[in-house]
Amino acid sequence: MDESSFPHSRQSRRSNVLLAASIEVSGAVVPVKLRNLSSQGALIEGDDLPIEGSEIVFRRNELKVKGRIAWIHEDQAGISFKTLLAQEEVLRNIPKPRPRVTPDFKRPSLACRKLTPDEQRLVDSWVWTPRGSLGE
């Protein structure tokens, strides 16, 4: 379910990511993709997700927090955490964004490098070759 479909119902800011995580359900560990994370919950994606209302333990690196499946839609599920995560804990589990690289568009300069002697001979032979000798 896309977070943008109900933006006004969010109580805390979510950070969009695509990271490996897991949930533990009745002792079984299920690998999932973490799609976003906030202090109150997470959006996960994966196969064989538990049913809505299931009690789970969400794990990402050293982060381990109890929660429940709040909703399921196709291969995505929302998790509601039992306790709020500290903002530092949320930030610790979200990589810093890479700086965007601005393309450097430049016109080629009008000045060119000096041709090597071999390059100059090739140009001279091409320019001074009579038309008939090229097979025309």
Foldseek 3Di string as FASTA:
>chain_A
DDCVVDVVVDPWDKDADWAWWWKAAPNDIFIWTWGIDFQFWTKTFDPPDDAFFGWIWIGDPPDTFTWTFHHDDDRMTITTTPGGDDPVVRVVRDDDDDDDDDDDDDDDDPDDDDDDPVVVVVVVCVVPPDPVVVVD
